[in-house]
N, C-alpha and C. Protein backbone atom coordinates (compact mmCIF):
# COMPACT_ATOMS: atom_id res chain seq x y z
N MET A 1 296.86 93.91 234.83
CA MET A 1 296.97 92.60 235.44
C MET A 1 297.84 91.72 234.57
N LYS A 2 298.81 91.06 235.18
CA LYS A 2 299.74 90.22 234.44
C LYS A 2 299.31 88.75 234.52
N THR A 3 299.64 88.00 233.49
CA THR A 3 299.37 86.58 233.48
C THR A 3 300.38 85.86 234.37
N PHE A 4 299.87 84.98 235.22
CA PHE A 4 300.74 84.23 236.12
C PHE A 4 301.41 83.08 235.37
N SER A 5 302.71 82.95 235.50
CA SER A 5 303.45 81.84 234.92
C SER A 5 304.28 81.21 236.03
N ALA A 6 304.02 79.93 236.29
CA ALA A 6 304.67 79.24 237.40
C ALA A 6 306.15 79.03 237.13
N THR A 7 306.94 79.11 238.19
CA THR A 7 308.37 78.81 238.13
C THR A 7 308.59 77.53 238.95
N PRO A 8 309.75 76.89 238.82
CA PRO A 8 309.98 75.68 239.61
C PRO A 8 309.84 75.88 241.12
N ALA A 9 310.08 77.08 241.62
CA ALA A 9 309.92 77.34 243.05
C ALA A 9 308.45 77.35 243.47
N ASP A 10 307.54 77.65 242.54
CA ASP A 10 306.12 77.71 242.84
C ASP A 10 305.44 76.34 242.85
N ILE A 11 306.09 75.34 242.29
CA ILE A 11 305.45 74.04 242.08
C ILE A 11 305.53 73.21 243.35
N GLU A 12 304.37 72.70 243.75
CA GLU A 12 304.29 71.82 244.91
C GLU A 12 303.54 70.56 244.49
N LYS A 13 304.26 69.45 244.39
CA LYS A 13 303.68 68.20 243.93
C LYS A 13 303.10 67.41 245.10
N LYS A 14 301.95 66.79 244.87
CA LYS A 14 301.32 65.92 245.86
C LYS A 14 301.38 64.49 245.35
N TRP A 15 301.16 63.54 246.23
CA TRP A 15 301.05 62.13 245.87
C TRP A 15 299.59 61.73 246.05
N ILE A 16 299.02 61.12 245.01
CA ILE A 16 297.65 60.62 245.12
C ILE A 16 297.62 59.16 244.70
N VAL A 17 296.71 58.41 245.31
CA VAL A 17 296.53 57.00 244.97
C VAL A 17 295.09 56.82 244.47
N ILE A 18 294.96 56.07 243.37
CA ILE A 18 293.67 55.83 242.75
C ILE A 18 293.45 54.33 242.68
N ASP A 19 292.28 53.88 243.15
CA ASP A 19 291.92 52.47 243.06
C ASP A 19 291.12 52.27 241.77
N ALA A 20 291.66 51.45 240.86
CA ALA A 20 291.04 51.26 239.54
C ALA A 20 290.05 50.11 239.51
N ASP A 21 289.74 49.53 240.66
CA ASP A 21 288.84 48.38 240.72
C ASP A 21 287.42 48.79 240.33
N GLY A 22 286.95 48.28 239.17
CA GLY A 22 285.60 48.56 238.71
C GLY A 22 285.42 49.88 237.99
N VAL A 23 286.48 50.63 237.75
CA VAL A 23 286.40 51.94 237.10
C VAL A 23 286.57 51.77 235.58
N VAL A 24 285.82 52.53 234.81
CA VAL A 24 285.90 52.48 233.35
C VAL A 24 287.25 53.06 232.90
N LEU A 25 287.91 52.35 231.98
CA LEU A 25 289.29 52.67 231.59
C LEU A 25 289.45 54.07 231.02
N GLY A 26 288.62 54.48 230.09
CA GLY A 26 288.77 55.79 229.45
C GLY A 26 288.57 56.94 230.42
N ARG A 27 287.59 56.82 231.31
CA ARG A 27 287.35 57.87 232.29
C ARG A 27 288.48 57.94 233.30
N LEU A 28 289.00 56.78 233.68
CA LEU A 28 290.14 56.73 234.59
C LEU A 28 291.36 57.38 233.95
N ALA A 29 291.63 57.05 232.69
CA ALA A 29 292.81 57.57 232.00
C ALA A 29 292.73 59.09 231.83
N SER A 30 291.54 59.62 231.57
CA SER A 30 291.43 61.07 231.40
C SER A 30 291.65 61.80 232.72
N ILE A 31 291.19 61.23 233.82
CA ILE A 31 291.42 61.85 235.13
C ILE A 31 292.90 61.80 235.49
N ILE A 32 293.55 60.66 235.20
CA ILE A 32 294.98 60.53 235.50
C ILE A 32 295.79 61.50 234.64
N ALA A 33 295.45 61.61 233.35
CA ALA A 33 296.18 62.52 232.46
C ALA A 33 296.04 63.97 232.91
N MET A 34 294.86 64.35 233.37
CA MET A 34 294.64 65.71 233.86
C MET A 34 295.48 65.96 235.11
N ARG A 35 295.55 64.98 236.01
CA ARG A 35 296.33 65.11 237.23
C ARG A 35 297.83 65.15 236.94
N LEU A 36 298.29 64.36 235.97
CA LEU A 36 299.72 64.35 235.63
C LEU A 36 300.17 65.67 235.04
N ARG A 37 299.33 66.30 234.23
CA ARG A 37 299.68 67.58 233.62
C ARG A 37 299.53 68.75 234.59
N GLY A 38 298.64 68.61 235.58
CA GLY A 38 298.42 69.70 236.52
C GLY A 38 297.28 70.61 236.11
N LYS A 39 296.42 70.15 235.22
CA LYS A 39 295.34 71.00 234.73
C LYS A 39 294.23 71.20 235.75
N HIS A 40 294.26 70.46 236.84
CA HIS A 40 293.26 70.62 237.89
C HIS A 40 293.59 71.79 238.80
N MET A 41 294.75 72.40 238.61
CA MET A 41 295.19 73.50 239.48
C MET A 41 294.91 74.85 238.81
N ALA A 42 294.64 75.84 239.63
CA ALA A 42 294.37 77.18 239.11
C ALA A 42 295.64 77.83 238.55
N THR A 43 296.80 77.36 238.99
CA THR A 43 298.06 77.94 238.56
C THR A 43 298.69 77.14 237.41
N PHE A 44 297.89 76.40 236.64
CA PHE A 44 298.41 75.57 235.55
C PHE A 44 299.22 76.40 234.57
N THR A 45 300.41 75.92 234.28
CA THR A 45 301.30 76.53 233.29
C THR A 45 301.68 75.44 232.29
N PRO A 46 301.35 75.62 231.00
CA PRO A 46 301.50 74.53 230.02
C PRO A 46 302.92 74.02 229.83
N HIS A 47 303.93 74.85 230.04
CA HIS A 47 305.29 74.42 229.75
C HIS A 47 306.04 73.90 230.98
N MET A 48 305.36 73.77 232.11
CA MET A 48 306.01 73.29 233.34
C MET A 48 305.41 71.95 233.77
N ASP A 49 306.26 71.12 234.39
CA ASP A 49 305.80 69.86 234.95
C ASP A 49 305.31 70.13 236.36
N MET A 50 304.01 70.40 236.49
CA MET A 50 303.47 70.78 237.79
C MET A 50 302.39 69.83 238.26
N GLY A 51 302.26 68.68 237.61
CA GLY A 51 301.25 67.71 237.99
C GLY A 51 301.64 66.90 239.21
N ASP A 52 300.70 66.11 239.69
CA ASP A 52 300.91 65.29 240.86
C ASP A 52 301.58 63.97 240.50
N ASN A 53 302.10 63.29 241.52
CA ASN A 53 302.58 61.93 241.37
C ASN A 53 301.38 61.02 241.60
N VAL A 54 301.07 60.16 240.63
CA VAL A 54 299.86 59.34 240.68
C VAL A 54 300.24 57.87 240.83
N ILE A 55 299.61 57.20 241.79
CA ILE A 55 299.77 55.77 242.00
C ILE A 55 298.43 55.12 241.68
N VAL A 56 298.43 54.15 240.78
CA VAL A 56 297.21 53.43 240.42
C VAL A 56 297.35 52.00 240.92
N ILE A 57 296.37 51.55 241.72
CA ILE A 57 296.39 50.18 242.20
C ILE A 57 295.21 49.42 241.60
N ASN A 58 295.28 48.10 241.61
CA ASN A 58 294.25 47.21 241.05
C ASN A 58 294.02 47.48 239.56
N ALA A 59 295.09 47.67 238.81
CA ALA A 59 294.97 47.94 237.38
C ALA A 59 294.44 46.74 236.61
N ASP A 60 294.57 45.55 237.17
CA ASP A 60 294.08 44.35 236.49
C ASP A 60 292.57 44.22 236.58
N LYS A 61 291.91 45.03 237.42
CA LYS A 61 290.46 44.95 237.59
C LYS A 61 289.72 46.11 236.93
N VAL A 62 290.38 46.80 236.00
CA VAL A 62 289.76 47.92 235.30
C VAL A 62 288.68 47.38 234.36
N GLN A 63 287.63 48.18 234.17
CA GLN A 63 286.50 47.77 233.33
C GLN A 63 286.51 48.53 232.02
N MET A 64 285.82 47.96 231.01
CA MET A 64 285.65 48.62 229.73
C MET A 64 284.20 48.47 229.28
N THR A 65 283.72 49.45 228.55
CA THR A 65 282.35 49.40 228.06
C THR A 65 282.32 48.81 226.66
N GLY A 66 281.16 48.30 226.28
CA GLY A 66 280.98 47.76 224.93
C GLY A 66 281.85 46.55 224.68
N LYS A 67 282.40 46.47 223.47
CA LYS A 67 283.24 45.34 223.08
C LYS A 67 284.73 45.70 223.08
N LYS A 68 285.09 46.69 223.90
CA LYS A 68 286.47 47.17 223.88
C LYS A 68 287.47 46.13 224.39
N ARG A 69 287.03 45.18 225.20
CA ARG A 69 287.94 44.13 225.66
C ARG A 69 288.43 43.25 224.52
N GLU A 70 287.63 43.13 223.47
CA GLU A 70 288.01 42.29 222.33
C GLU A 70 288.76 43.07 221.26
N GLU A 71 288.88 44.39 221.41
CA GLU A 71 289.63 45.18 220.44
C GLU A 71 291.12 44.94 220.62
N ASN A 72 291.88 45.12 219.54
CA ASN A 72 293.30 44.81 219.55
C ASN A 72 294.17 46.02 219.87
N PHE A 73 295.31 45.74 220.50
CA PHE A 73 296.43 46.66 220.58
C PHE A 73 297.40 46.24 219.49
N TYR A 74 297.88 47.16 218.70
CA TYR A 74 298.84 46.85 217.65
C TYR A 74 300.18 47.50 217.97
N TRP A 75 301.26 46.83 217.60
CA TRP A 75 302.59 47.41 217.68
C TRP A 75 303.45 46.76 216.62
N HIS A 76 304.57 47.38 216.34
CA HIS A 76 305.46 46.88 215.31
C HIS A 76 306.84 46.66 215.91
N THR A 77 307.45 45.53 215.56
CA THR A 77 308.75 45.18 216.13
C THR A 77 309.89 45.95 215.49
N GLY A 78 309.67 46.52 214.31
CA GLY A 78 310.73 47.22 213.60
C GLY A 78 311.31 46.40 212.48
N HIS A 79 310.96 45.13 212.42
CA HIS A 79 311.43 44.25 211.35
C HIS A 79 310.35 44.13 210.28
N PRO A 80 310.73 43.78 209.04
CA PRO A 80 309.73 43.62 207.98
C PRO A 80 308.70 42.56 208.37
N GLY A 81 307.43 42.91 208.23
CA GLY A 81 306.36 41.98 208.57
C GLY A 81 306.20 41.79 210.06
N GLY A 82 306.67 42.74 210.85
CA GLY A 82 306.71 42.57 212.29
C GLY A 82 305.55 43.20 213.03
N ILE A 83 304.37 43.32 212.39
CA ILE A 83 303.23 43.87 213.11
C ILE A 83 302.64 42.80 214.00
N LYS A 84 302.34 43.16 215.25
CA LYS A 84 301.79 42.22 216.21
C LYS A 84 300.56 42.83 216.85
N SER A 85 299.72 41.97 217.40
CA SER A 85 298.52 42.45 218.06
C SER A 85 298.09 41.48 219.15
N ARG A 86 297.44 42.02 220.16
CA ARG A 86 296.81 41.25 221.22
C ARG A 86 295.56 42.00 221.63
N THR A 87 294.56 41.26 222.09
CA THR A 87 293.36 41.92 222.59
C THR A 87 293.65 42.45 223.99
N LYS A 88 292.84 43.43 224.41
CA LYS A 88 293.02 43.99 225.74
C LYS A 88 292.75 42.95 226.81
N ALA A 89 291.83 42.02 226.54
CA ALA A 89 291.55 40.95 227.50
C ALA A 89 292.76 40.05 227.70
N GLN A 90 293.48 39.75 226.61
CA GLN A 90 294.68 38.92 226.73
C GLN A 90 295.76 39.63 227.54
N ILE A 91 295.91 40.93 227.35
CA ILE A 91 296.92 41.69 228.08
C ILE A 91 296.56 41.77 229.56
N LEU A 92 295.26 42.00 229.86
CA LEU A 92 294.82 42.09 231.25
C LEU A 92 294.99 40.77 231.99
N GLU A 93 294.84 39.66 231.30
CA GLU A 93 294.98 38.35 231.93
C GLU A 93 296.42 37.86 231.90
N GLY A 94 297.30 38.54 231.19
CA GLY A 94 298.68 38.12 231.05
C GLY A 94 299.57 38.57 232.20
N ALA A 95 300.85 38.66 231.90
CA ALA A 95 301.85 38.96 232.92
C ALA A 95 301.90 40.44 233.30
N HIS A 96 301.50 41.36 232.39
CA HIS A 96 301.62 42.79 232.64
C HIS A 96 300.29 43.50 232.38
N PRO A 97 299.29 43.35 233.25
CA PRO A 97 297.99 43.99 233.01
C PRO A 97 298.03 45.51 233.15
N GLU A 98 299.08 46.05 233.77
CA GLU A 98 299.15 47.51 233.94
C GLU A 98 299.45 48.23 232.64
N ARG A 99 299.86 47.52 231.60
CA ARG A 99 300.18 48.17 230.32
C ARG A 99 298.95 48.74 229.63
N VAL A 100 297.78 48.17 229.89
CA VAL A 100 296.55 48.69 229.29
C VAL A 100 296.27 50.10 229.83
N VAL A 101 296.40 50.28 231.12
CA VAL A 101 296.17 51.60 231.73
C VAL A 101 297.25 52.57 231.29
N PHE A 102 298.50 52.13 231.24
CA PHE A 102 299.60 53.00 230.85
C PHE A 102 299.41 53.52 229.42
N GLN A 103 299.05 52.64 228.50
CA GLN A 103 298.86 53.08 227.11
C GLN A 103 297.68 54.03 226.98
N ALA A 104 296.61 53.80 227.74
CA ALA A 104 295.45 54.69 227.68
C ALA A 104 295.83 56.09 228.16
N VAL A 105 296.61 56.17 229.25
CA VAL A 105 297.03 57.47 229.77
C VAL A 105 298.01 58.13 228.81
N LYS A 106 298.95 57.36 228.29
CA LYS A 106 299.97 57.90 227.39
C LYS A 106 299.34 58.50 226.14
N ARG A 107 298.30 57.88 225.63
CA ARG A 107 297.65 58.37 224.41
C ARG A 107 296.75 59.57 224.67
N MET A 108 296.48 59.90 225.92
CA MET A 108 295.71 61.09 226.24
C MET A 108 296.59 62.30 226.52
N LEU A 109 297.90 62.10 226.54
CA LEU A 109 298.83 63.21 226.74
C LEU A 109 299.39 63.64 225.38
N PRO A 110 299.81 64.89 225.25
CA PRO A 110 300.44 65.31 223.99
C PRO A 110 301.75 64.57 223.78
N GLY A 111 302.13 64.39 222.54
CA GLY A 111 303.35 63.63 222.24
C GLY A 111 304.58 64.50 222.20
N ASN A 112 305.04 64.95 223.34
CA ASN A 112 306.24 65.80 223.38
C ASN A 112 307.13 65.40 224.55
N ARG A 113 308.26 66.09 224.69
CA ARG A 113 309.22 65.76 225.73
C ARG A 113 308.65 65.96 227.14
N LEU A 114 307.86 67.00 227.30
CA LEU A 114 307.30 67.27 228.62
C LEU A 114 306.35 66.16 229.07
N SER A 115 305.52 65.68 228.18
CA SER A 115 304.59 64.62 228.58
C SER A 115 305.32 63.31 228.85
N ARG A 116 306.44 63.07 228.18
CA ARG A 116 307.23 61.88 228.50
C ARG A 116 307.84 62.00 229.89
N LYS A 117 308.20 63.21 230.30
CA LYS A 117 308.70 63.42 231.66
C LYS A 117 307.56 63.28 232.67
N GLN A 118 306.38 63.76 232.31
CA GLN A 118 305.24 63.66 233.21
C GLN A 118 304.80 62.21 233.41
N LEU A 119 305.01 61.37 232.41
CA LEU A 119 304.65 59.96 232.54
C LEU A 119 305.54 59.24 233.56
N THR A 120 306.71 59.79 233.87
CA THR A 120 307.55 59.18 234.90
C THR A 120 306.96 59.38 236.29
N ASN A 121 305.98 60.28 236.43
CA ASN A 121 305.30 60.50 237.71
C ASN A 121 304.12 59.56 237.89
N LEU A 122 303.91 58.62 236.97
CA LEU A 122 302.81 57.66 237.04
C LEU A 122 303.36 56.30 237.43
N ARG A 123 302.78 55.72 238.46
CA ARG A 123 303.15 54.36 238.88
C ARG A 123 301.89 53.51 238.91
N ILE A 124 301.93 52.38 238.20
CA ILE A 124 300.77 51.52 238.06
C ILE A 124 301.11 50.14 238.60
N TYR A 125 300.21 49.60 239.44
CA TYR A 125 300.41 48.28 240.02
C TYR A 125 299.17 47.43 239.79
N ALA A 126 299.40 46.16 239.44
CA ALA A 126 298.29 45.25 239.14
C ALA A 126 297.52 44.89 240.40
N GLY A 127 298.18 44.76 241.53
CA GLY A 127 297.52 44.39 242.77
C GLY A 127 297.16 45.58 243.63
N ALA A 128 296.75 45.29 244.86
CA ALA A 128 296.33 46.34 245.78
C ALA A 128 297.49 46.94 246.57
N ALA A 129 298.65 46.29 246.56
CA ALA A 129 299.79 46.78 247.35
C ALA A 129 300.68 47.67 246.49
N HIS A 130 301.27 48.68 247.14
CA HIS A 130 302.24 49.55 246.47
C HIS A 130 303.31 49.96 247.48
N PRO A 131 304.54 50.21 247.02
CA PRO A 131 305.65 50.52 247.94
C PRO A 131 305.82 52.00 248.26
N HIS A 132 304.77 52.81 248.13
CA HIS A 132 304.90 54.26 248.29
C HIS A 132 304.18 54.78 249.53
N GLU A 133 304.09 53.97 250.57
CA GLU A 133 303.42 54.41 251.80
C GLU A 133 304.19 55.54 252.49
N ALA A 134 305.50 55.60 252.30
CA ALA A 134 306.31 56.63 252.95
C ALA A 134 305.96 58.03 252.46
N GLN A 135 305.42 58.14 251.24
CA GLN A 135 305.04 59.45 250.69
C GLN A 135 303.68 59.90 251.21
N SER A 136 303.00 59.06 251.97
CA SER A 136 301.65 59.30 252.51
C SER A 136 300.71 59.90 251.45
N PRO A 137 300.38 59.10 250.43
CA PRO A 137 299.52 59.61 249.35
C PRO A 137 298.08 59.80 249.81
N GLU A 138 297.43 60.79 249.20
CA GLU A 138 296.01 61.03 249.44
C GLU A 138 295.21 60.12 248.52
N VAL A 139 294.06 59.67 248.97
CA VAL A 139 293.20 58.80 248.17
C VAL A 139 292.27 59.68 247.33
N LEU A 140 292.24 59.42 246.02
CA LEU A 140 291.31 60.10 245.12
C LEU A 140 290.26 59.08 244.71
N ASP A 141 289.02 59.29 245.15
CA ASP A 141 287.95 58.34 244.88
C ASP A 141 287.28 58.68 243.55
N VAL A 142 287.70 57.99 242.50
CA VAL A 142 287.19 58.23 241.16
C VAL A 142 285.76 57.71 241.03
N LYS A 143 285.43 56.67 241.77
CA LYS A 143 284.10 56.06 241.68
C LYS A 143 283.01 57.04 242.11
N SER A 144 283.27 57.85 243.13
CA SER A 144 282.24 58.74 243.65
C SER A 144 282.14 60.06 242.88
N MET A 145 283.06 60.31 241.94
CA MET A 145 283.01 61.55 241.17
C MET A 145 281.80 61.60 240.24
N ASN A 146 281.48 60.46 239.62
CA ASN A 146 280.37 60.39 238.66
C ASN A 146 279.90 58.95 238.63
N LYS A 147 278.60 58.74 238.53
CA LYS A 147 278.09 57.37 238.52
C LYS A 147 278.49 56.62 237.24
N LYS A 148 278.84 57.34 236.18
CA LYS A 148 279.27 56.69 234.93
C LYS A 148 280.71 56.19 234.99
N ASN A 149 281.44 56.57 236.04
CA ASN A 149 282.83 56.14 236.16
C ASN A 149 282.98 54.66 236.49
N THR A 150 281.92 54.05 237.00
CA THR A 150 281.99 52.64 237.38
C THR A 150 281.15 51.80 236.45
N ARG A 151 281.52 50.55 236.38
CA ARG A 151 280.80 49.57 235.57
C ARG A 151 280.59 48.34 236.44
N VAL A 152 279.38 47.96 236.62
CA VAL A 152 279.10 46.81 237.49
C VAL A 152 279.10 45.51 236.71
């Protein structure tokens, strides 16, 4: 018996939409990362981009457990003394609340060229509307997968 290795002709990508309203951030990010890599498929091949195209809506309404809303995001501008930080609550209330979800998903993927390509298959929107209706995405209900996925 030979090990199956997918080729580009074998790959069939789907479009899925996930509503992040009331869903815990870490659990949401791990499900999205698994879908982007294609690990939910029986034909998973580590060196191929075989994951789905994921659309996340209501990213500004994502929940966090404990005191994680008050924890900081750090980044460096590249200049001497250029370290900056903001809390996750400030980012969620600011102009780009989708960056919290994007960073959580990005940090759950391996740091290589393939995962950077797979991140281009992720689209995150702060509101409930998205411009991808023509792709007829399937709805993935993360809330009903496990009762711990939601936070009231």
